[in-house]
PDB file of N, CA and C in Angstrom:
ATOM      1  N   ALA A   1      42.083 166.450 352.408  1.00  0.00           N
ATOM      2  CA  ALA A   1      41.163 167.474 353.053  1.00  0.00           C
ATOM      3  C   ALA A   1      40.566 166.853 354.355  1.00  0.00           C
ATOM      4  N   LYS A   2      40.803 165.633 354.795  1.00  0.00           N
ATOM      5  CA  LYS A   2      40.416 165.185 356.096  1.00  0.00           C
ATOM      6  C   LYS A   2      41.105 165.891 357.289  1.00  0.00           C
ATOM      7  N   VAL A   3      40.274 166.431 358.206  1.00  0.00           N
ATOM      8  CA  VAL A   3      40.745 166.870 359.276  1.00  0.00           C
ATOM      9  C   VAL A   3      40.794 165.692 360.442  1.00  0.00           C
ATOM     10  N   TRP A   4      42.036 165.380 360.882  1.00  0.00           N
ATOM     11  CA  TRP A   4      42.595 164.215 361.724  1.00  0.00           C
ATOM     12  C   TRP A   4      42.285 164.586 363.056  1.00  0.00           C
ATOM     13  N   LYS A   5      41.919 163.727 363.928  1.00  0.00           N
ATOM     14  CA  LYS A   5      42.160 163.910 365.528  1.00  0.00           C
ATOM     15  C   LYS A   5      43.343 163.714 365.745  1.00  0.00           C
ATOM     16  N   PRO A   6      43.636 164.691 366.912  1.00  0.00           N
ATOM     17  CA  PRO A   6      45.056 164.884 367.344  1.00  0.00           C
ATOM     18  C   PRO A   6      45.684 163.287 367.502  1.00  0.00           C
ATOM     19  N   GLU A   7      44.753 162.424 368.302  1.00  0.00           N
ATOM     20  CA  GLU A   7      45.472 161.273 368.663  1.00  0.00           C
ATOM     21  C   GLU A   7      45.324 160.382 367.643  1.00  0.00           C
ATOM     22  N   GLU A   8      44.903 160.268 366.330  1.00  0.00           N
ATOM     23  CA  GLU A   8      44.961 159.673 365.134  1.00  0.00           C
ATOM     24  C   GLU A   8      46.271 160.213 364.553  1.00  0.00           C
ATOM     25  N   LEU A   9      46.450 161.296 364.444  1.00  0.00           N
ATOM     26  CA  LEU A   9      47.744 161.867 363.985  1.00  0.00           C
ATOM     27  C   LEU A   9      49.008 161.275 364.716  1.00  0.00           C
ATOM     28  N   ALA A  10      48.884 161.282 366.028  1.00  0.00           N
ATOM     29  CA  ALA A  10      49.945 161.006 367.068  1.00  0.00           C
ATOM     30  C   ALA A  10      50.511 159.357 367.069  1.00  0.00           C
ATOM     31  N   ALA A  11      49.231 158.974 366.710  1.00  0.00           N
ATOM     32  CA  ALA A  11      49.541 157.249 366.430  1.00  0.00           C
ATOM     33  C   ALA A  11      50.186 156.955 365.087  1.00  0.00           C
ATOM     34  N   ARG A  12      49.771 157.840 364.183  1.00  0.00           N
ATOM     35  CA  ARG A  12      50.536 157.735 362.948  1.00  0.00           C
ATOM     36  C   ARG A  12      51.976 158.066 362.710  1.00  0.00           C
ATOM     37  N   GLY A  13      52.023 159.100 363.604  1.00  0.00           N
ATOM     38  CA  GLY A  13      53.133 159.990 363.676  1.00  0.00           C
ATOM     39  C   GLY A  13      54.482 158.967 364.374  1.00  0.00           C
ATOM     40  N   GLU A  14      53.762 158.297 365.411  1.00  0.00           N
ATOM     41  CA  GLU A  14      54.849 157.482 365.873  1.00  0.00           C
ATOM     42  C   GLU A  14      55.277 156.441 365.142  1.00  0.00           C
ATOM     43  N   LYS A  15      54.754 156.031 364.152  1.00  0.00           N
ATOM     44  CA  LYS A  15      55.202 154.926 363.279  1.00  0.00           C
ATOM     45  C   LYS A  15      56.205 155.872 362.102  1.00  0.00           C
ATOM     46  N   ALA A  16      55.658 156.901 361.825  1.00  0.00           N
ATOM     47  CA  ALA A  16      56.564 157.431 360.816  1.00  0.00           C
ATOM     48  C   ALA A  16      57.918 157.836 361.567  1.00  0.00           C
ATOM     49  N   TYR A  17      57.889 158.365 362.751  1.00  0.00           N
ATOM     50  CA  TYR A  17      58.943 158.752 363.465  1.00  0.00           C
ATOM     51  C   TYR A  17      59.872 157.566 363.594  1.00  0.00           C
ATOM     52  N   ALA A  18      59.496 156.568 364.143  1.00  0.00           N
ATOM     53  CA  ALA A  18      60.214 155.236 364.114  1.00  0.00           C
ATOM     54  C   ALA A  18      60.993 154.764 362.714  1.00  0.00           C
ATOM     55  N   ALA A  19      60.212 155.205 361.908  1.00  0.00           N
ATOM     56  CA  ALA A  19      60.774 154.671 360.511  1.00  0.00           C
ATOM     57  C   ALA A  19      61.779 155.668 359.965  1.00  0.00           C
ATOM     58  N   ASN A  20      61.485 156.828 360.155  1.00  0.00           N
ATOM     59  CA  ASN A  20      62.279 157.996 359.586  1.00  0.00           C
ATOM     60  C   ASN A  20      63.408 158.852 360.556  1.00  0.00           C
ATOM     61  N   CYS A  21      62.988 158.867 361.820  1.00  0.00           N
ATOM     62  CA  CYS A  21      63.457 160.197 362.618  1.00  0.00           C
ATOM     63  C   CYS A  21      64.582 159.369 363.595  1.00  0.00           C
ATOM     64  N   VAL A  22      63.966 158.271 364.299  1.00  0.00           N
ATOM     65  CA  VAL A  22      64.476 157.673 365.573  1.00  0.00           C
ATOM     66  C   VAL A  22      66.025 157.578 365.467  1.00  0.00           C
ATOM     67  N   VAL A  23      66.537 157.244 364.269  1.00  0.00           N
ATOM     68  CA  VAL A  23      68.187 157.007 364.243  1.00  0.00           C
ATOM     69  C   VAL A  23      68.846 158.264 364.690  1.00  0.00           C
ATOM     70  N   CYS A  24      68.350 159.432 364.400  1.00  0.00           N
ATOM     71  CA  CYS A  24      69.229 160.655 364.843  1.00  0.00           C
ATOM     72  C   CYS A  24      68.604 161.126 365.977  1.00  0.00           C
ATOM     73  N   HIS A  25      67.323 161.473 366.032  1.00  0.00           N
ATOM     74  CA  HIS A  25      66.654 162.046 367.294  1.00  0.00           C
ATOM     75  C   HIS A  25      66.459 161.177 368.378  1.00  0.00           C
ATOM     76  N   GLN A  26      66.699 159.932 368.311  1.00  0.00           N
ATOM     77  CA  GLN A  26      66.534 159.050 369.317  1.00  0.00           C
ATOM     78  C   GLN A  26      65.117 158.747 369.743  1.00  0.00           C
ATOM     79  N   ALA A  27      64.710 157.498 370.288  1.00  0.00           N
ATOM     80  CA  ALA A  27      63.370 157.154 370.855  1.00  0.00           C
ATOM     81  C   ALA A  27      62.834 158.197 371.733  1.00  0.00           C
ATOM     82  N   SER A  28      63.744 158.874 372.848  1.00  0.00           N
ATOM     83  CA  SER A  28      63.726 159.511 373.911  1.00  0.00           C
ATOM     84  C   SER A  28      63.428 160.941 373.485  1.00  0.00           C
ATOM     85  N   GLY A  29      63.862 161.281 372.393  1.00  0.00           N
ATOM     86  CA  GLY A  29      63.721 162.469 371.728  1.00  0.00           C
ATOM     87  C   GLY A  29      64.823 163.428 372.206  1.00  0.00           C
ATOM     88  N   GLN A  30      65.645 162.630 372.649  1.00  0.00           N
ATOM     89  CA  GLN A  30      66.919 163.480 373.380  1.00  0.00           C
ATOM     90  C   GLN A  30      68.162 164.004 372.091  1.00  0.00           C
ATOM     91  N   GLY A  31      67.634 163.428 370.950  1.00  0.00           N
ATOM     92  CA  GLY A  31      68.934 163.877 369.970  1.00  0.00           C
ATOM     93  C   GLY A  31      70.179 163.088 370.032  1.00  0.00           C
ATOM     94  N   SER A  32      71.193 163.447 369.090  1.00  0.00           N
ATOM     95  CA  SER A  32      72.221 162.746 369.226  1.00  0.00           C
ATOM     96  C   SER A  32      73.436 163.717 369.102  1.00  0.00           C
ATOM     97  N   PRO A  33      74.016 164.162 370.256  1.00  0.00           N
ATOM     98  CA  PRO A  33      75.158 165.182 369.979  1.00  0.00           C
ATOM     99  C   PRO A  33      76.525 164.902 369.046  1.00  0.00           C
ATOM    100  N   ALA A  34      76.664 163.558 368.809  1.00  0.00           N
ATOM    101  CA  ALA A  34      77.622 163.008 367.987  1.00  0.00           C
ATOM    102  C   ALA A  34      77.470 163.638 366.444  1.00  0.00           C
ATOM    103  N   ILE A  35      76.298 163.642 366.103  1.00  0.00           N
ATOM    104  CA  ILE A  35      76.017 163.866 364.661  1.00  0.00           C
ATOM    105  C   ILE A  35      75.031 165.099 364.863  1.00  0.00           C
ATOM    106  N   LYS A  36      75.130 165.776 365.944  1.00  0.00           N
ATOM    107  CA  LYS A  36      74.528 167.185 365.929  1.00  0.00           C
ATOM    108  C   LYS A  36      72.908 167.162 365.678  1.00  0.00           C
ATOM    109  N   ALA A  37      72.379 166.012 365.929  1.00  0.00           N
ATOM    110  CA  ALA A  37      70.855 165.977 365.753  1.00  0.00           C
ATOM    111  C   ALA A  37      70.499 166.379 367.065  1.00  0.00           C
ATOM    112  N   PRO A  38      69.658 167.542 367.080  1.00  0.00           N
ATOM    113  CA  PRO A  38      68.894 168.295 368.405  1.00  0.00           C
ATOM    114  C   PRO A  38      67.959 167.304 369.021  1.00  0.00           C
ATOM    115  N   ALA A  39      67.979 167.563 370.232  1.00  0.00           N
ATOM    116  CA  ALA A  39      66.729 167.247 370.814  1.00  0.00           C
ATOM    117  C   ALA A  39      65.737 167.551 370.496  1.00  0.00           C
ATOM    118  N   LEU A  40      64.535 166.837 370.499  1.00  0.00           N
ATOM    119  CA  LEU A  40      63.177 167.345 370.272  1.00  0.00           C
ATOM    120  C   LEU A  40      62.373 167.393 371.418  1.00  0.00           C
ATOM    121  N   ALA A  41      62.731 167.055 372.448  1.00  0.00           N
ATOM    122  CA  ALA A  41      61.879 167.363 373.986  1.00  0.00           C
ATOM    123  C   ALA A  41      62.491 168.838 374.256  1.00  0.00           C
ATOM    124  N   GLY A  42      61.017 169.284 374.667  1.00  0.00           N
ATOM    125  CA  GLY A  42      61.502 170.568 375.022  1.00  0.00           C
ATOM    126  C   GLY A  42      62.083 171.843 374.193  1.00  0.00           C
ATOM    127  N   ASN A  43      62.181 171.457 372.837  1.00  0.00           N
ATOM    128  CA  ASN A  43      62.700 172.147 371.895  1.00  0.00           C
ATOM    129  C   ASN A  43      61.757 173.364 371.214  1.00  0.00           C
ATOM    130  N   LYS A  44      61.967 174.150 371.422  1.00  0.00           N
ATOM    131  CA  LYS A  44      61.065 175.590 370.949  1.00  0.00           C
ATOM    132  C   LYS A  44      60.736 175.616 369.473  1.00  0.00           C
ATOM    133  N   LEU A  45      61.668 175.122 368.383  1.00  0.00           N
ATOM    134  CA  LEU A  45      61.195 174.813 367.359  1.00  0.00           C
ATOM    135  C   LEU A  45      60.063 174.057 367.152  1.00  0.00           C
ATOM    136  N   VAL A  46      60.224 172.831 367.774  1.00  0.00           N
ATOM    137  CA  VAL A  46      59.343 171.751 367.721  1.00  0.00           C
ATOM    138  C   VAL A  46      57.670 172.360 368.242  1.00  0.00           C
ATOM    139  N   THR A  47      57.770 173.081 369.226  1.00  0.00           N
ATOM    140  CA  THR A  47      56.579 173.501 369.867  1.00  0.00           C
ATOM    141  C   THR A  47      56.029 174.781 369.706  1.00  0.00           C
ATOM    142  N   GLY A  48      56.697 175.615 368.946  1.00  0.00           N
ATOM    143  CA  GLY A  48      56.570 177.191 368.565  1.00  0.00           C
ATOM    144  C   GLY A  48      55.245 176.720 367.475  1.00  0.00           C
ATOM    145  N   ALA A  49      55.452 177.961 366.606  1.00  0.00           N
ATOM    146  CA  ALA A  49      54.652 178.018 365.387  1.00  0.00           C
ATOM    147  C   ALA A  49      54.627 176.794 364.650  1.00  0.00           C
ATOM    148  N   GLU A  50      53.664 176.660 363.861  1.00  0.00           N
ATOM    149  CA  GLU A  50      53.614 175.270 363.132  1.00  0.00           C
ATOM    150  C   GLU A  50      54.555 175.192 361.898  1.00  0.00           C
ATOM    151  N   GLN A  51      54.632 176.621 361.713  1.00  0.00           N
ATOM    152  CA  GLN A  51      55.636 176.693 360.260  1.00  0.00           C
ATOM    153  C   GLN A  51      56.875 176.059 360.215  1.00  0.00           C
ATOM    154  N   ALA A  52      57.271 176.483 361.408  1.00  0.00           N
ATOM    155  CA  ALA A  52      59.036 176.333 361.433  1.00  0.00           C
ATOM    156  C   ALA A  52      59.027 174.623 361.419  1.00  0.00           C
ATOM    157  N   PRO A  53      58.380 173.953 362.207  1.00  0.00           N
ATOM    158  CA  PRO A  53      58.762 172.273 362.160  1.00  0.00           C
ATOM    159  C   PRO A  53      58.186 171.819 360.638  1.00  0.00           C
ATOM    160  N   ILE A  54      57.041 172.461 360.215  1.00  0.00           N
ATOM    161  CA  ILE A  54      56.578 171.708 358.703  1.00  0.00           C
ATOM    162  C   ILE A  54      57.785 172.358 357.802  1.00  0.00           C
ATOM    163  N   ASP A  55      58.258 173.512 357.643  1.00  0.00           N
ATOM    164  CA  ASP A  55      59.573 173.762 357.056  1.00  0.00           C
ATOM    165  C   ASP A  55      60.470 172.906 357.209  1.00  0.00           C
ATOM    166  N   THR A  56      60.850 172.734 358.222  1.00  0.00           N
ATOM    167  CA  THR A  56      62.251 171.794 358.498  1.00  0.00           C
ATOM    168  C   THR A  56      61.957 170.446 357.991  1.00  0.00           C
ATOM    169  N   VAL A  57      60.851 169.914 358.162  1.00  0.00           N
ATOM    170  CA  VAL A  57      60.866 168.425 357.914  1.00  0.00           C
ATOM    171  C   VAL A  57      60.583 168.011 356.425  1.00  0.00           C
ATOM    172  N   LEU A  58      59.888 169.378 355.531  1.00  0.00           N
ATOM    173  CA  LEU A  58      59.637 169.408 354.115  1.00  0.00           C
ATOM    174  C   LEU A  58      60.981 169.520 353.355  1.00  0.00           C
ATOM    175  N   ASN A  59      61.666 170.781 353.785  1.00  0.00           N
ATOM    176  CA  ASN A  59      63.206 170.969 353.256  1.00  0.00           C
ATOM    177  C   ASN A  59      64.248 170.734 353.755  1.00  0.00           C
ATOM    178  N   GLY A  60      64.376 170.252 354.945  1.00  0.00           N
ATOM    179  CA  GLY A  60      65.508 169.806 355.528  1.00  0.00           C
ATOM    180  C   GLY A  60      66.320 171.073 356.145  1.00  0.00           C
ATOM    181  N   ARG A  61      67.380 171.089 356.460  1.00  0.00           N
ATOM    182  CA  ARG A  61      68.148 172.243 357.181  1.00  0.00           C
ATOM    183  C   ARG A  61      69.725 172.114 356.455  1.00  0.00           C
ATOM    184  N   PRO A  62      69.958 173.477 355.667  1.00  0.00           N
ATOM    185  CA  PRO A  62      71.300 173.118 354.909  1.00  0.00           C
ATOM    186  C   PRO A  62      72.162 173.094 356.001  1.00  0.00           C
ATOM    187  N   ASN A  63      73.330 172.475 355.466  1.00  0.00           N
ATOM    188  CA  ASN A  63      74.625 172.583 356.361  1.00  0.00           C
ATOM    189  C   ASN A  63      74.266 171.638 357.447  1.00  0.00           C
ATOM    190  N   THR A  64      73.436 170.833 357.725  1.00  0.00           N
ATOM    191  CA  THR A  64      73.190 169.867 358.793  1.00  0.00           C
ATOM    192  C   THR A  64      72.818 168.173 358.240  1.00  0.00           C
ATOM    193  N   ALA A  65      72.582 167.401 359.055  1.00  0.00           N
ATOM    194  CA  ALA A  65      72.318 166.173 358.588  1.00  0.00           C
ATOM    195  C   ALA A  65      70.751 166.131 358.191  1.00  0.00           C
ATOM    196  N   MET A  66      70.183 166.973 358.744  1.00  0.00           N
ATOM    197  CA  MET A  66      68.554 167.158 358.641  1.00  0.00           C
ATOM    198  C   MET A  66      68.190 166.973 357.132  1.00  0.00           C
ATOM    199  N   GLN A  67      67.568 165.749 356.699  1.00  0.00           N
ATOM    200  CA  GLN A  67      67.322 165.844 354.931  1.00  0.00           C
ATOM    201  C   GLN A  67      65.987 166.258 354.886  1.00  0.00           C
ATOM    202  N   ALA A  68      65.658 166.745 353.600  1.00  0.00           N
ATOM    203  CA  ALA A  68      64.245 167.002 353.331  1.00  0.00           C
ATOM    204  C   ALA A  68      63.473 165.948 353.002  1.00  0.00           C
ATOM    205  N   PHE A  69      62.211 165.795 353.649  1.00  0.00           N
ATOM    206  CA  PHE A  69      61.458 164.583 353.593  1.00  0.00           C
ATOM    207  C   PHE A  69      60.236 164.797 352.400  1.00  0.00           C
ATOM    208  N   LYS A  70      60.252 165.989 351.921  1.00  0.00           N
ATOM    209  CA  LYS A  70      59.014 166.122 351.062  1.00  0.00           C
ATOM    210  C   LYS A  70      59.123 165.201 349.595  1.00  0.00           C
ATOM    211  N   GLY A  71      59.657 164.589 349.371  1.00  0.00           N
ATOM    212  CA  GLY A  71      59.855 163.762 348.514  1.00  0.00           C
ATOM    213  C   GLY A  71      59.668 162.181 349.096  1.00  0.00           C
ATOM    214  N   GLN A  72      59.889 162.051 350.266  1.00  0.00           N
ATOM    215  CA  GLN A  72      59.475 160.877 350.825  1.00  0.00           C
ATOM    216  C   GLN A  72      58.294 160.432 351.668  1.00  0.00           C
ATOM    217  N   LEU A  73      57.745 161.717 352.206  1.00  0.00           N
ATOM    218  CA  LEU A  73      56.831 161.338 353.241  1.00  0.00           C
ATOM    219  C   LEU A  73      55.359 162.016 352.494  1.00  0.00           C
ATOM    220  N   SER A  74      54.242 161.835 352.832  1.00  0.00           N
ATOM    221  CA  SER A  74      52.920 162.414 352.180  1.00  0.00           C
ATOM    222  C   SER A  74      52.772 163.449 353.204  1.00  0.00           C
ATOM    223  N   ASP A  75      51.988 164.193 352.849  1.00  0.00           N
ATOM    224  CA  ASP A  75      51.586 165.508 353.721  1.00  0.00           C
ATOM    225  C   ASP A  75      50.943 164.731 355.326  1.00  0.00           C
ATOM    226  N   THR A  76      49.945 163.895 354.756  1.00  0.00           N
ATOM    227  CA  THR A  76      49.956 163.131 356.260  1.00  0.00           C
ATOM    228  C   THR A  76      50.728 162.644 356.888  1.00  0.00           C
ATOM    229  N   ASP A  77      51.536 162.142 356.383  1.00  0.00           N
ATOM    230  CA  ASP A  77      52.584 161.687 357.205  1.00  0.00           C
ATOM    231  C   ASP A  77      53.679 162.549 357.933  1.00  0.00           C
ATOM    232  N   ILE A  78      53.905 163.688 357.178  1.00  0.00           N
ATOM    233  CA  ILE A  78      54.635 164.920 357.688  1.00  0.00           C
ATOM    234  C   ILE A  78      53.970 165.446 358.896  1.00  0.00           C
ATOM    235  N   ALA A  79      52.738 165.752 358.656  1.00  0.00           N
ATOM    236  CA  ALA A  79      51.823 166.304 359.837  1.00  0.00           C
ATOM    237  C   ALA A  79      51.784 165.230 360.914  1.00  0.00           C
ATOM    238  N   ALA A  80      51.652 163.947 360.610  1.00  0.00           N
ATOM    239  CA  ALA A  80      51.552 162.942 361.816  1.00  0.00           C
ATOM    240  C   ALA A  80      52.936 163.085 362.565  1.00  0.00           C
ATOM    241  N   VAL A  81      54.245 162.995 362.103  1.00  0.00           N
ATOM    242  CA  VAL A  81      55.233 163.028 362.580  1.00  0.00           C
ATOM    243  C   VAL A  81      55.632 164.059 363.428  1.00  0.00           C
ATOM    244  N   ILE A  82      54.961 165.278 362.928  1.00  0.00           N
ATOM    245  CA  ILE A  82      55.388 166.563 363.586  1.00  0.00           C
ATOM    246  C   ILE A  82      54.350 166.736 364.692  1.00  0.00           C
ATOM    247  N   THR A  83      53.054 165.776 364.462  1.00  0.00           N
ATOM    248  CA  THR A  83      52.135 166.110 365.767  1.00  0.00           C
ATOM    249  C   THR A  83      52.681 165.197 366.586  1.00  0.00           C
ATOM    250  N   PHE A  84      53.007 164.139 366.123  1.00  0.00           N
ATOM    251  CA  PHE A  84      53.822 163.213 367.302  1.00  0.00           C
ATOM    252  C   PHE A  84      54.755 163.775 368.343  1.00  0.00           C
ATOM    253  N   THR A  85      55.905 164.617 367.532  1.00  0.00           N
ATOM    254  CA  THR A  85      56.648 165.272 368.394  1.00  0.00           C
ATOM    255  C   THR A  85      56.297 166.430 369.084  1.00  0.00           C
ATOM    256  N   ARG A  86      55.528 167.067 368.796  1.00  0.00           N
ATOM    257  CA  ARG A  86      54.767 168.187 369.564  1.00  0.00           C
ATOM    258  C   ARG A  86      54.004 167.665 370.635  1.00  0.00           C
ATOM    259  N   LYS A  87      53.486 166.378 370.865  1.00  0.00           N
ATOM    260  CA  LYS A  87      52.684 165.859 371.702  1.00  0.00           C
ATOM    261  C   LYS A  87      53.629 164.823 372.684  1.00  0.00           C
ATOM    262  N   SER A  88      55.044 164.768 372.015  1.00  0.00           N
ATOM    263  CA  SER A  88      55.728 163.687 372.988  1.00  0.00           C
ATOM    264  C   SER A  88      56.790 164.128 374.096  1.00  0.00           C
ATOM    265  N   TRP A  89      57.201 163.406 374.734  1.00  0.00           N
ATOM    266  CA  TRP A  89      58.500 163.841 375.720  1.00  0.00           C
ATOM    267  C   TRP A  89      58.082 164.951 376.444  1.00  0.00           C
ATOM    268  N   GLY A  90      56.904 165.324 376.839  1.00  0.00           N
ATOM    269  CA  GLY A  90      56.537 166.504 377.672  1.00  0.00           C
ATOM    270  C   GLY A  90      56.596 167.706 377.004  1.00  0.00           C
ATOM    271  N   ASN A  91      56.445 167.438 375.606  1.00  0.00           N
ATOM    272  CA  ASN A  91      55.976 168.682 374.850  1.00  0.00           C
ATOM    273  C   ASN A  91      54.434 168.606 374.620  1.00  0.00           C
ATOM    274  N   LYS A  92      54.026 169.989 374.631  1.00  0.00           N
ATOM    275  CA  LYS A  92      52.462 170.188 374.834  1.00  0.00           C
ATOM    276  C   LYS A  92      52.304 171.360 373.561  1.00  0.00           C
ATOM    277  N   ALA A  93      51.998 170.871 372.547  1.00  0.00           N
ATOM    278  CA  ALA A  93      51.662 171.820 371.320  1.00  0.00           C
ATOM    279  C   ALA A  93      50.417 171.247 370.301  1.00  0.00           C
ATOM    280  N   SER A  94      50.019 172.134 369.900  1.00  0.00           N
ATOM    281  CA  SER A  94      48.719 171.780 369.128  1.00  0.00           C
ATOM    282  C   SER A  94      49.378 170.782 367.907  1.00  0.00           C
ATOM    283  N   GLU A  95      48.177 170.188 367.448  1.00  0.00           N
ATOM    284  CA  GLU A  95      48.738 169.201 366.309  1.00  0.00           C
ATOM    285  C   GLU A  95      49.008 169.788 365.062  1.00  0.00           C
ATOM    286  N   VAL A  96      49.243 169.226 364.007  1.00  0.00           N
ATOM    287  CA  VAL A  96      49.386 169.842 362.583  1.00  0.00           C
ATOM    288  C   VAL A  96      48.880 169.234 361.648  1.00  0.00           C
ATOM    289  N   GLN A  97      47.896 169.756 360.715  1.00  0.00           N
ATOM    290  CA  GLN A  97      46.800 168.725 359.767  1.00  0.00           C
ATOM    291  C   GLN A  97      47.759 168.941 358.593  1.00  0.00           C
ATOM    292  N   PRO A  98      47.360 167.806 357.781  1.00  0.00           N
ATOM    293  CA  PRO A  98      48.049 167.702 356.389  1.00  0.00           C
ATOM    294  C   PRO A  98      47.644 168.935 355.672  1.00  0.00           C
ATOM    295  N   ALA A  99      46.540 169.375 355.682  1.00  0.00           N
ATOM    296  CA  ALA A  99      46.092 170.637 354.820  1.00  0.00           C
ATOM    297  C   ALA A  99      47.270 171.867 355.268  1.00  0.00           C
ATOM    298  N   GLU A 100      47.970 171.844 356.569  1.00  0.00           N
ATOM    299  CA  GLU A 100      48.718 173.096 356.758  1.00  0.00           C
ATOM    300  C   GLU A 100      50.053 172.501 356.128  1.00  0.00           C
ATOM    301  N   VAL A 101      50.416 171.361 356.160  1.00  0.00           N
ATOM    302  CA  VAL A 101      51.818 170.750 355.206  1.00  0.00           C
ATOM    303  C   VAL A 101      51.887 171.198 353.849  1.00  0.00           C
ATOM    304  N   LYS A 102      50.223 170.816 353.169  1.00  0.00           N
ATOM    305  CA  LYS A 102      50.305 171.071 351.894  1.00  0.00           C
ATOM    306  C   LYS A 102      50.678 172.421 351.600  1.00  0.00           C
ATOM    307  N   ALA A 103      50.047 173.396 352.173  1.00  0.00           N
ATOM    308  CA  ALA A 103      49.905 174.897 351.932  1.00  0.00           C
ATOM    309  C   ALA A 103      51.496 175.090 352.263  1.00  0.00           C
ATOM    310  N   ARG A 104      52.465 174.479 352.682  1.00  0.00           N
ATOM    311  CA  ARG A 104      53.780 175.130 353.052  1.00  0.00           C
ATOM    312  C   ARG A 104      54.794 174.459 351.955  1.00  0.00           C
ATOM    313  N   ARG A 105      53.982 173.532 351.195  1.00  0.00           N
ATOM    314  CA  ARG A 105      54.861 172.671 350.078  1.00  0.00           C
ATOM    315  C   ARG A 105      55.507 173.722 349.103  1.00  0.00           C
ATOM    316  N   LYS A 106      56.753 173.910 348.611  1.00  0.00           N
ATOM    317  CA  LYS A 106      57.080 174.735 347.530  1.00  0.00           C
ATOM    318  C   LYS A 106      57.624 173.983 346.299  1.00  0.00           C
TER     319      LYS A 106
END
């Protein structure tokens, strides 16, 4: 139920990104063409409506290497990693709160 400050979420998200996402999407957010991991820098899926990145991180993407994280990460960590990607590498989008992730869980 806690509403996090954007900078708190981004700091927590940086750690979650390093532990779970950096292998495919790279520290630079440029992705990896070799494994078809898209760039997150400048990606409209990342910076658009909050539902798309929430659903992607929660449920993965069928027929891709993007796995579902709903069983591994808490609502807070998912909100944090999404907030980190929405505010990094020149991306300028609003934060995602844990309550928004909780509402999208299926």
